[in-house]
Amino acid sequence: FADSKGRPSFPDSVAIPKIGLGLLAFFPYTSYRPPQVAINIAQKRFKTPVYMHNTKPFYRENMHNYEENQGKNNTNSRNFEYETLYIHENYTLGSLMSGRPNGYCWFDVGGKYGTRQGPFIEQSVWRLGVKGTGNGGVQIFGNTGKEYIDVSGRSPYEQIGQLKNAILRVAKFTNFMWTAFPNSATLILKTHGTSSIAFAEFREHGVYAAVLPFGRTHTVTKTPFHRLKANSTQVSWTFDNATVPTIGMALQVGLKAEYGSFSGFMSTIMNEARFE
């Protein structure tokens, strides 16, 4: 929440002309102020790290069967989802354990949205947010399977788990996983066994990230992310899973205060990271 101690990420010159035309400008500049504790939480004025496990209600109803929305019929219709958040200095890592979104559920709608619309597009299974320039933020995100080219939905054959500053994703029935990095980060690929680890450094705020694939890989590519070509780079891993049908990806985040330098972080991951 924006106030005199925490300015919005956009300048007044952009927002003020839009007051009355859109909520983007209205809310940061309204005279209403929530309780100070809510402002402190929004502006991260608390001691970190904070590690949370949250139970959340499912965000969308099943429009065809109310009982399924209540979780009465099967495990895929459970009405709660389980969120893990790890908030540390200058970054937040989050993940969602859920029977949904599975990416294969669509409503036939037509009109300007096309012939069908995915009902779970507001959910993302995992995301890393890092403090950017000024008060803005940047993100690392990704998905599994060539049919999931965005972060809308997920493969029904992917599972995810998080322990503090590390996330582990495991999938089957696909040989493709990808992760997108903001171009404001320094991105380095390093060979590790039969694959490549992607390292990212957010130098301004001393945040480091490493994405480690596991499985027998044979192709690693680096291309502009199709929706944010000027701002993000997509690193894709194609696996040779003929003999190892389960593939996966680990993401670990660290701070300069913990590793001393980006090279120290990379050396630690290269020397100590392994899958057993």
C-alpha atoms as a PDB file:
ATOM      1  CA  PHE A   1       0.000   0.000   0.000  1.00  0.00           C
ATOM      2  CA  ALA A   2       1.422   3.358  -1.016  1.00  0.00           C
ATOM      3  CA  ASP A   3       1.945   6.254   1.371  1.00  0.00           C
ATOM      4  CA  SER A   4       4.615   8.874   2.049  1.00  0.00           C
ATOM      5  CA  LYS A   5       7.005   6.156   3.276  1.00  0.00           C
ATOM      6  CA  GLY A   6       6.303   3.723   0.472  1.00  0.00           C
ATOM      7  CA  ARG A   7       5.686   5.277  -2.902  1.00  0.00           C
ATOM      8  CA  PRO A   8       3.979   3.369  -5.729  1.00  0.00           C
ATOM      9  CA  SER A   9       6.172   1.961  -8.494  1.00  0.00           C
ATOM     10  CA  PHE A  10       4.734   4.410 -11.041  1.00  0.00           C
ATOM     11  CA  PRO A  11       5.299   8.211 -10.944  1.00  0.00           C
ATOM     12  CA  ASP A  12       2.636  10.762 -10.057  1.00  0.00           C
ATOM     13  CA  SER A  13       2.788  12.152 -13.600  1.00  0.00           C
ATOM     14  CA  VAL A  14       1.391   8.851 -14.872  1.00  0.00           C
ATOM     15  CA  ALA A  15      -1.162   8.196 -12.149  1.00  0.00           C
ATOM     16  CA  ILE A  16      -2.766  11.585 -11.441  1.00  0.00           C
ATOM     17  CA  PRO A  17      -4.299  12.078 -14.930  1.00  0.00           C
ATOM     18  CA  LYS A  18      -5.943   8.673 -14.589  1.00  0.00           C
ATOM     19  CA  ILE A  19      -7.721   9.313 -11.283  1.00  0.00           C
ATOM     20  CA  GLY A  20     -11.385   8.678 -11.884  1.00  0.00           C
ATOM     21  CA  LEU A  21     -10.654   6.631 -14.971  1.00  0.00           C
ATOM     22  CA  GLY A  22      -9.150   3.507 -13.452  1.00  0.00           C
ATOM     23  CA  LEU A  23      -8.525   1.774 -10.152  1.00  0.00           C
ATOM     24  CA  LEU A  24      -4.789   1.745 -10.786  1.00  0.00           C
ATOM     25  CA  ALA A  25      -4.599   5.414  -9.894  1.00  0.00           C
ATOM     26  CA  PHE A  26      -7.530   5.620  -7.491  1.00  0.00           C
ATOM     27  CA  PHE A  27      -6.452   3.265  -4.736  1.00  0.00           C
ATOM     28  CA  PRO A  28      -2.888   4.526  -4.116  1.00  0.00           C
ATOM     29  CA  TYR A  29      -4.154   8.102  -3.918  1.00  0.00           C
ATOM     30  CA  THR A  30      -7.370   7.721  -1.953  1.00  0.00           C
ATOM     31  CA  SER A  31      -7.579   9.451   1.425  1.00  0.00           C
ATOM     32  CA  TYR A  32      -8.537   6.149   3.103  1.00  0.00           C
ATOM     33  CA  ARG A  33      -5.776   4.519   5.135  1.00  0.00           C
ATOM     34  CA  PRO A  34      -6.038   0.953   6.461  1.00  0.00           C
ATOM     35  CA  PRO A  35      -4.767   0.047   9.929  1.00  0.00           C
ATOM     36  CA  GLN A  36      -1.046   0.632  10.351  1.00  0.00           C
ATOM     37  CA  VAL A  37      -0.402  -3.086  10.828  1.00  0.00           C
ATOM     38  CA  ALA A  38      -1.845  -3.762   7.353  1.00  0.00           C
ATOM     39  CA  ILE A  39       0.388  -1.073   5.850  1.00  0.00           C
ATOM     40  CA  ASN A  40       3.435  -2.521   7.624  1.00  0.00           C
ATOM     41  CA  ILE A  41       2.698  -5.979   6.215  1.00  0.00           C
ATOM     42  CA  ALA A  42       2.181  -4.622   2.691  1.00  0.00           C
ATOM     43  CA  GLN A  43       5.474  -2.707   2.869  1.00  0.00           C
ATOM     44  CA  LYS A  44       7.363  -5.605   4.520  1.00  0.00           C
ATOM     45  CA  ARG A  45       8.228  -3.654   7.666  1.00  0.00           C
ATOM     46  CA  PHE A  46       8.912  -6.733   9.748  1.00  0.00           C
ATOM     47  CA  LYS A  47      11.828  -8.952  10.641  1.00  0.00           C
ATOM     48  CA  THR A  48      12.720 -11.537   8.000  1.00  0.00           C
ATOM     49  CA  PRO A  49      12.809 -14.362   7.134  1.00  0.00           C
ATOM     50  CA  VAL A  50       9.160 -15.309   7.578  1.00  0.00           C
ATOM     51  CA  TYR A  51       8.058 -18.851   6.687  1.00  0.00           C
ATOM     52  CA  MET A  52       4.324 -19.506   6.305  1.00  0.00           C
ATOM     53  CA  HIS A  53       2.013 -22.382   5.409  1.00  0.00           C
ATOM     54  CA  ASN A  54      -1.431 -21.051   4.512  1.00  0.00           C
ATOM     55  CA  THR A  55      -4.689 -22.835   3.768  1.00  0.00           C
ATOM     56  CA  LYS A  56      -6.721 -21.024   1.120  1.00  0.00           C
ATOM     57  CA  PRO A  57     -10.211 -21.618  -0.248  1.00  0.00           C
ATOM     58  CA  PHE A  58     -10.388 -22.518  -3.903  1.00  0.00           C
ATOM     59  CA  TYR A  59     -10.667 -19.287  -5.909  1.00  0.00           C
ATOM     60  CA  ARG A  60     -13.232 -20.380  -8.475  1.00  0.00           C
ATOM     61  CA  GLU A  61     -16.465 -22.350  -8.253  1.00  0.00           C
ATOM     62  CA  ASN A  62     -17.275 -25.292 -10.474  1.00  0.00           C
ATOM     63  CA  MET A  63     -19.995 -23.700 -12.550  1.00  0.00           C
ATOM     64  CA  HIS A  64     -21.578 -27.027 -13.516  1.00  0.00           C
ATOM     65  CA  ASN A  65     -21.687 -28.897 -10.228  1.00  0.00           C
ATOM     66  CA  TYR A  66     -21.928 -27.175  -6.851  1.00  0.00           C
ATOM     67  CA  GLU A  67     -21.197 -30.383  -4.919  1.00  0.00           C
ATOM     68  CA  GLU A  68     -17.849 -30.726  -6.680  1.00  0.00           C
ATOM     69  CA  ASN A  69     -16.965 -27.208  -5.595  1.00  0.00           C
ATOM     70  CA  GLN A  70     -17.670 -28.287  -2.020  1.00  0.00           C
ATOM     71  CA  GLY A  71     -15.257 -31.209  -2.329  1.00  0.00           C
ATOM     72  CA  LYS A  72     -17.903 -33.904  -1.944  1.00  0.00           C
ATOM     73  CA  ASN A  73     -17.259 -36.030  -5.009  1.00  0.00           C
ATOM     74  CA  ASN A  74     -13.569 -36.646  -5.594  1.00  0.00           C
ATOM     75  CA  THR A  75     -10.086 -35.516  -4.654  1.00  0.00           C
ATOM     76  CA  ASN A  76      -9.877 -33.170  -7.643  1.00  0.00           C
ATOM     77  CA  SER A  77     -12.778 -31.122  -6.305  1.00  0.00           C
ATOM     78  CA  ARG A  78     -11.298 -30.352  -2.900  1.00  0.00           C
ATOM     79  CA  ASN A  79     -12.253 -26.863  -1.759  1.00  0.00           C
ATOM     80  CA  PHE A  80      -8.918 -25.929  -0.153  1.00  0.00           C
ATOM     81  CA  GLU A  81      -5.455 -25.279  -1.517  1.00  0.00           C
ATOM     82  CA  TYR A  82      -2.176 -25.042   0.358  1.00  0.00           C
ATOM     83  CA  GLU A  83       0.170 -22.128  -0.091  1.00  0.00           C
ATOM     84  CA  THR A  84       3.759 -21.859   1.123  1.00  0.00           C
ATOM     85  CA  LEU A  85       5.476 -18.466   1.371  1.00  0.00           C
ATOM     86  CA  TYR A  86       9.053 -17.659   2.303  1.00  0.00           C
ATOM     87  CA  ILE A  87       9.629 -13.923   2.700  1.00  0.00           C
ATOM     88  CA  HIS A  88      13.206 -12.750   3.099  1.00  0.00           C
ATOM     89  CA  GLU A  89      15.170  -9.583   2.559  1.00  0.00           C
ATOM     90  CA  ASN A  90      14.398  -8.299  -0.956  1.00  0.00           C
ATOM     91  CA  TYR A  91      12.600 -11.428  -2.201  1.00  0.00           C
ATOM     92  CA  THR A  92       9.499 -13.602  -1.755  1.00  0.00           C
ATOM     93  CA  LEU A  93       9.279 -17.232  -2.853  1.00  0.00           C
ATOM     94  CA  GLY A  94       5.867 -18.840  -3.049  1.00  0.00           C
ATOM     95  CA  SER A  95       4.260 -22.085  -4.195  1.00  0.00           C
ATOM     96  CA  LEU A  96       0.838 -23.697  -4.278  1.00  0.00           C
ATOM     97  CA  MET A  97      -0.131 -27.319  -3.640  1.00  0.00           C
ATOM     98  CA  SER A  98      -3.417 -27.899  -5.400  1.00  0.00           C
ATOM     99  CA  GLY A  99      -5.520 -30.393  -7.303  1.00  0.00           C
ATOM    100  CA  ARG A 100      -6.142 -27.445  -9.611  1.00  0.00           C
ATOM    101  CA  PRO A 101      -5.409 -25.659 -11.877  1.00  0.00           C
ATOM    102  CA  ASN A 102      -4.810 -28.585 -14.203  1.00  0.00           C
ATOM    103  CA  GLY A 103      -4.784 -26.655 -17.459  1.00  0.00           C
ATOM    104  CA  TYR A 104      -7.270 -28.980 -19.141  1.00  0.00           C
ATOM    105  CA  CYS A 105     -10.473 -27.414 -17.835  1.00  0.00           C
ATOM    106  CA  TRP A 106     -12.112 -24.904 -20.189  1.00  0.00           C
ATOM    107  CA  PHE A 107     -15.402 -23.081 -20.529  1.00  0.00           C
ATOM    108  CA  ASP A 108     -16.874 -22.534 -23.989  1.00  0.00           C
ATOM    109  CA  VAL A 109     -17.457 -18.792 -24.077  1.00  0.00           C
ATOM    110  CA  GLY A 110     -16.878 -17.265 -27.482  1.00  0.00           C
ATOM    111  CA  GLY A 111     -16.891 -13.518 -28.040  1.00  0.00           C
ATOM    112  CA  LYS A 112     -13.731 -11.450 -27.710  1.00  0.00           C
ATOM    113  CA  TYR A 113     -12.121 -14.140 -25.520  1.00  0.00           C
ATOM    114  CA  GLY A 114     -12.196 -16.730 -28.287  1.00  0.00           C
ATOM    115  CA  THR A 115     -14.035 -20.029 -28.295  1.00  0.00           C
ATOM    116  CA  ARG A 116     -12.911 -21.159 -24.847  1.00  0.00           C
ATOM    117  CA  GLN A 117     -11.546 -19.700 -21.641  1.00  0.00           C
ATOM    118  CA  GLY A 118      -9.439 -21.364 -18.955  1.00  0.00           C
ATOM    119  CA  PRO A 119     -11.086 -20.757 -15.561  1.00  0.00           C
ATOM    120  CA  PHE A 120      -7.889 -20.998 -13.498  1.00  0.00           C
ATOM    121  CA  ILE A 121      -5.779 -18.318 -15.142  1.00  0.00           C
ATOM    122  CA  GLU A 122      -5.452 -16.274 -11.959  1.00  0.00           C
ATOM    123  CA  GLN A 123      -3.413 -18.976 -10.241  1.00  0.00           C
ATOM    124  CA  SER A 124       0.271 -19.749 -10.577  1.00  0.00           C
ATOM    125  CA  VAL A 125       1.833 -22.848  -9.074  1.00  0.00           C
ATOM    126  CA  TRP A 126       5.067 -21.067  -8.103  1.00  0.00           C
ATOM    127  CA  ARG A 127       6.715 -17.685  -8.408  1.00  0.00           C
ATOM    128  CA  LEU A 128       9.837 -15.867  -7.190  1.00  0.00           C
ATOM    129  CA  GLY A 129       9.450 -12.118  -6.703  1.00  0.00           C
ATOM    130  CA  VAL A 130      12.541  -9.942  -6.259  1.00  0.00           C
ATOM    131  CA  LYS A 131      12.762  -6.271  -5.404  1.00  0.00           C
ATOM    132  CA  GLY A 132      13.528  -4.320  -8.548  1.00  0.00           C
ATOM    133  CA  THR A 133      14.608  -0.798  -9.346  1.00  0.00           C
ATOM    134  CA  GLY A 134      12.770   1.761  -7.221  1.00  0.00           C
ATOM    135  CA  ASN A 135       9.652   0.239  -5.671  1.00  0.00           C
ATOM    136  CA  GLY A 136       8.839  -2.058  -8.571  1.00  0.00           C
ATOM    137  CA  GLY A 137       9.389  -5.798  -8.537  1.00  0.00           C
ATOM    138  CA  VAL A 138      10.619  -8.418 -11.001  1.00  0.00           C
ATOM    139  CA  GLN A 139       9.825 -12.114 -11.192  1.00  0.00           C
ATOM    140  CA  ILE A 140      11.172 -15.526 -12.085  1.00  0.00           C
ATOM    141  CA  PHE A 141       8.451 -17.912 -13.251  1.00  0.00           C
ATOM    142  CA  GLY A 142       7.978 -20.998 -15.400  1.00  0.00           C
ATOM    143  CA  ASN A 143       5.898 -24.012 -16.327  1.00  0.00           C
ATOM    144  CA  THR A 144       6.007 -27.628 -17.499  1.00  0.00           C
ATOM    145  CA  GLY A 145       5.039 -29.093 -20.867  1.00  0.00           C
ATOM    146  CA  LYS A 146       5.130 -27.545 -24.341  1.00  0.00           C
ATOM    147  CA  GLU A 147       1.388 -26.901 -24.255  1.00  0.00           C
ATOM    148  CA  TYR A 148       1.833 -24.591 -21.237  1.00  0.00           C
ATOM    149  CA  ILE A 149       3.576 -21.633 -22.804  1.00  0.00           C
ATOM    150  CA  ASP A 150       2.453 -19.200 -20.074  1.00  0.00           C
ATOM    151  CA  VAL A 151       1.931 -19.447 -16.316  1.00  0.00           C
ATOM    152  CA  SER A 152      -1.827 -19.998 -16.736  1.00  0.00           C
ATOM    153  CA  GLY A 153      -2.652 -23.447 -15.382  1.00  0.00           C
ATOM    154  CA  ARG A 154      -0.249 -26.342 -15.018  1.00  0.00           C
ATOM    155  CA  SER A 155       0.310 -29.874 -16.153  1.00  0.00           C
ATOM    156  CA  PRO A 156      -1.879 -32.291 -14.137  1.00  0.00           C
ATOM    157  CA  TYR A 157       1.199 -34.542 -13.909  1.00  0.00           C
ATOM    158  CA  GLU A 158       3.378 -32.032 -12.066  1.00  0.00           C
ATOM    159  CA  GLN A 159       3.862 -32.022  -8.305  1.00  0.00           C
ATOM    160  CA  ILE A 160       5.530 -29.283  -6.270  1.00  0.00           C
ATOM    161  CA  GLY A 161       7.010 -28.920  -2.813  1.00  0.00           C
ATOM    162  CA  GLN A 162       8.750 -26.073  -0.995  1.00  0.00           C
ATOM    163  CA  LEU A 163      11.113 -25.935   1.979  1.00  0.00           C
ATOM    164  CA  LYS A 164      11.889 -22.336   2.898  1.00  0.00           C
ATOM    165  CA  ASN A 165      14.069 -20.890   0.114  1.00  0.00           C
ATOM    166  CA  ALA A 166      13.958 -23.960  -2.147  1.00  0.00           C
ATOM    167  CA  ILE A 167      11.278 -25.369  -4.463  1.00  0.00           C
ATOM    168  CA  LEU A 168      11.224 -28.808  -6.073  1.00  0.00           C
ATOM    169  CA  ARG A 169       9.032 -29.544  -9.117  1.00  0.00           C
ATOM    170  CA  VAL A 170       8.556 -33.112 -10.407  1.00  0.00           C
ATOM    171  CA  ALA A 171       6.668 -34.120 -13.552  1.00  0.00           C
ATOM    172  CA  LYS A 172       5.988 -37.089 -15.822  1.00  0.00           C
ATOM    173  CA  PHE A 173       4.448 -37.660 -19.276  1.00  0.00           C
ATOM    174  CA  THR A 174       6.392 -34.694 -20.662  1.00  0.00           C
ATOM    175  CA  ASN A 175       9.978 -33.967 -21.594  1.00  0.00           C
ATOM    176  CA  PHE A 176       9.915 -30.170 -21.434  1.00  0.00           C
ATOM    177  CA  MET A 177      10.268 -27.591 -18.639  1.00  0.00           C
ATOM    178  CA  TRP A 178      11.049 -23.885 -18.830  1.00  0.00           C
ATOM    179  CA  THR A 179      11.850 -20.914 -16.608  1.00  0.00           C
ATOM    180  CA  ALA A 180      11.771 -17.198 -17.505  1.00  0.00           C
ATOM    181  CA  PHE A 181      14.218 -14.673 -16.036  1.00  0.00           C
ATOM    182  CA  PRO A 182      13.980 -10.855 -16.120  1.00  0.00           C
ATOM    183  CA  ASN A 183      16.596  -9.217 -18.318  1.00  0.00           C
ATOM    184  CA  SER A 184      17.546  -6.946 -15.429  1.00  0.00           C
ATOM    185  CA  ALA A 185      19.237  -9.984 -13.848  1.00  0.00           C
ATOM    186  CA  THR A 186      22.624 -11.357 -14.846  1.00  0.00           C
ATOM    187  CA  LEU A 187      21.882 -14.790 -16.342  1.00  0.00           C
ATOM    188  CA  ILE A 188      24.577 -17.475 -16.610  1.00  0.00           C
ATOM    189  CA  LEU A 189      24.296 -21.115 -17.759  1.00  0.00           C
ATOM    190  CA  LYS A 190      26.835 -23.559 -16.340  1.00  0.00           C
ATOM    191  CA  THR A 191      27.299 -27.199 -17.314  1.00  0.00           C
ATOM    192  CA  HIS A 192      26.530 -29.627 -14.515  1.00  0.00           C
ATOM    193  CA  GLY A 193      26.864 -33.304 -15.393  1.00  0.00           C
ATOM    194  CA  THR A 194      24.707 -33.963 -18.435  1.00  0.00           C
ATOM    195  CA  SER A 195      22.700 -30.759 -18.092  1.00  0.00           C
ATOM    196  CA  SER A 196      22.994 -27.024 -17.378  1.00  0.00           C
ATOM    197  CA  ILE A 197      22.187 -24.984 -14.296  1.00  0.00           C
ATOM    198  CA  ALA A 198      20.748 -21.496 -14.814  1.00  0.00           C
ATOM    199  CA  PHE A 199      22.078 -18.893 -12.362  1.00  0.00           C
ATOM    200  CA  ALA A 200      20.616 -15.412 -11.930  1.00  0.00           C
ATOM    201  CA  GLU A 201      22.027 -12.464 -10.012  1.00  0.00           C
ATOM    202  CA  PHE A 202      19.980  -9.453  -8.943  1.00  0.00           C
ATOM    203  CA  ARG A 203      23.001  -7.357  -8.145  1.00  0.00           C
ATOM    204  CA  GLU A 204      21.281  -4.214  -6.903  1.00  0.00           C
ATOM    205  CA  HIS A 205      19.653  -6.039  -3.996  1.00  0.00           C
ATOM    206  CA  GLY A 206      22.037  -8.953  -3.478  1.00  0.00           C
ATOM    207  CA  VAL A 207      19.639 -11.782  -4.423  1.00  0.00           C
ATOM    208  CA  TYR A 208      20.804 -14.942  -6.215  1.00  0.00           C
ATOM    209  CA  ALA A 209      18.807 -17.788  -7.763  1.00  0.00           C
ATOM    210  CA  ALA A 210      19.734 -21.164  -9.243  1.00  0.00           C
ATOM    211  CA  VAL A 211      17.509 -23.449 -11.346  1.00  0.00           C
ATOM    212  CA  LEU A 212      18.762 -27.045 -11.416  1.00  0.00           C
ATOM    213  CA  PRO A 213      17.185 -29.626 -13.739  1.00  0.00           C
ATOM    214  CA  PHE A 214      17.283 -33.335 -13.013  1.00  0.00           C
ATOM    215  CA  GLY A 215      16.733 -36.057 -15.552  1.00  0.00           C
ATOM    216  CA  ARG A 216      18.719 -36.915 -18.661  1.00  0.00           C
ATOM    217  CA  THR A 217      18.717 -33.684 -20.684  1.00  0.00           C
ATOM    218  CA  HIS A 218      19.950 -33.264 -24.207  1.00  0.00           C
ATOM    219  CA  THR A 219      18.893 -29.728 -25.164  1.00  0.00           C
ATOM    220  CA  VAL A 220      19.090 -26.411 -23.335  1.00  0.00           C
ATOM    221  CA  THR A 221      17.939 -23.265 -25.152  1.00  0.00           C
ATOM    222  CA  LYS A 222      17.804 -19.566 -24.244  1.00  0.00           C
ATOM    223  CA  THR A 223      15.286 -17.356 -26.099  1.00  0.00           C
ATOM    224  CA  PRO A 224      13.212 -14.200 -25.451  1.00  0.00           C
ATOM    225  CA  PHE A 225      10.030 -15.041 -23.527  1.00  0.00           C
ATOM    226  CA  HIS A 226       7.277 -14.715 -26.114  1.00  0.00           C
ATOM    227  CA  ARG A 227       5.014 -12.360 -24.139  1.00  0.00           C
ATOM    228  CA  LEU A 228       7.790 -10.172 -22.699  1.00  0.00           C
ATOM    229  CA  LYS A 229      10.421 -10.277 -25.426  1.00  0.00           C
ATOM    230  CA  ALA A 230      12.021  -7.000 -24.382  1.00  0.00           C
ATOM    231  CA  ASN A 231      12.024  -7.814 -20.676  1.00  0.00           C
ATOM    232  CA  SER A 232      12.493 -11.548 -20.052  1.00  0.00           C
ATOM    233  CA  THR A 233      14.549 -14.495 -21.268  1.00  0.00           C
ATOM    234  CA  GLN A 234      13.225 -18.050 -21.302  1.00  0.00           C
ATOM    235  CA  VAL A 235      15.559 -20.965 -20.564  1.00  0.00           C
ATOM    236  CA  SER A 236      14.115 -24.304 -21.694  1.00  0.00           C
ATOM    237  CA  TRP A 237      15.250 -27.825 -20.893  1.00  0.00           C
ATOM    238  CA  THR A 238      14.271 -30.729 -23.159  1.00  0.00           C
ATOM    239  CA  PHE A 239      14.800 -34.101 -21.502  1.00  0.00           C
ATOM    240  CA  ASP A 240      15.645 -37.477 -22.949  1.00  0.00           C
ATOM    241  CA  ASN A 241      13.199 -39.341 -20.726  1.00  0.00           C
ATOM    242  CA  ALA A 242      13.049 -42.607 -22.629  1.00  0.00           C
ATOM    243  CA  THR A 243      14.758 -44.382 -19.739  1.00  0.00           C
ATOM    244  CA  VAL A 244      14.046 -41.871 -16.936  1.00  0.00           C
ATOM    245  CA  PRO A 245      10.344 -40.959 -17.301  1.00  0.00           C
ATOM    246  CA  THR A 246      10.274 -38.595 -14.296  1.00  0.00           C
ATOM    247  CA  ILE A 247      11.850 -35.164 -14.764  1.00  0.00           C
ATOM    248  CA  GLY A 248      12.132 -32.205 -12.473  1.00  0.00           C
ATOM    249  CA  MET A 249      13.508 -28.834 -11.564  1.00  0.00           C
ATOM    250  CA  ALA A 250      14.832 -27.362  -8.320  1.00  0.00           C
ATOM    251  CA  LEU A 251      14.978 -23.651  -7.558  1.00  0.00           C
ATOM    252  CA  GLN A 252      17.150 -22.327  -4.741  1.00  0.00           C
ATOM    253  CA  VAL A 253      17.416 -18.697  -3.655  1.00  0.00           C
ATOM    254  CA  GLY A 254      20.195 -17.065  -1.647  1.00  0.00           C
ATOM    255  CA  LEU A 255      21.478 -13.684  -0.486  1.00  0.00           C
ATOM    256  CA  LYS A 256      24.827 -11.980  -0.794  1.00  0.00           C
ATOM    257  CA  ALA A 257      24.930 -11.838   3.005  1.00  0.00           C
ATOM    258  CA  GLU A 258      24.775 -15.660   3.066  1.00  0.00           C
ATOM    259  CA  TYR A 259      27.256 -16.491   0.269  1.00  0.00           C
ATOM    260  CA  GLY A 260      29.509 -13.442   0.060  1.00  0.00           C
ATOM    261  CA  SER A 261      29.294 -13.099  -3.712  1.00  0.00           C
ATOM    262  CA  PHE A 262      27.528 -14.408  -6.806  1.00  0.00           C
ATOM    263  CA  SER A 263      30.569 -16.549  -7.641  1.00  0.00           C
ATOM    264  CA  GLY A 264      30.457 -17.978  -4.114  1.00  0.00           C
ATOM    265  CA  PHE A 265      26.786 -18.862  -4.557  1.00  0.00           C
ATOM    266  CA  MET A 266      27.450 -20.556  -7.901  1.00  0.00           C
ATOM    267  CA  SER A 267      30.404 -22.513  -6.522  1.00  0.00           C
ATOM    268  CA  THR A 268      28.361 -23.766  -3.571  1.00  0.00           C
ATOM    269  CA  ILE A 269      25.528 -24.953  -5.812  1.00  0.00           C
ATOM    270  CA  MET A 270      27.897 -26.590  -8.319  1.00  0.00           C
ATOM    271  CA  ASN A 271      29.853 -28.397  -5.603  1.00  0.00           C
ATOM    272  CA  GLU A 272      27.104 -29.388  -3.188  1.00  0.00           C
ATOM    273  CA  ALA A 273      23.801 -29.655  -5.061  1.00  0.00           C
ATOM    274  CA  ARG A 274      22.758 -33.186  -6.012  1.00  0.00           C
ATOM    275  CA  PHE A 275      19.648 -35.304  -6.402  1.00  0.00           C
ATOM    276  CA  GLU A 276      19.433 -38.675  -4.671  1.00  0.00           C
END
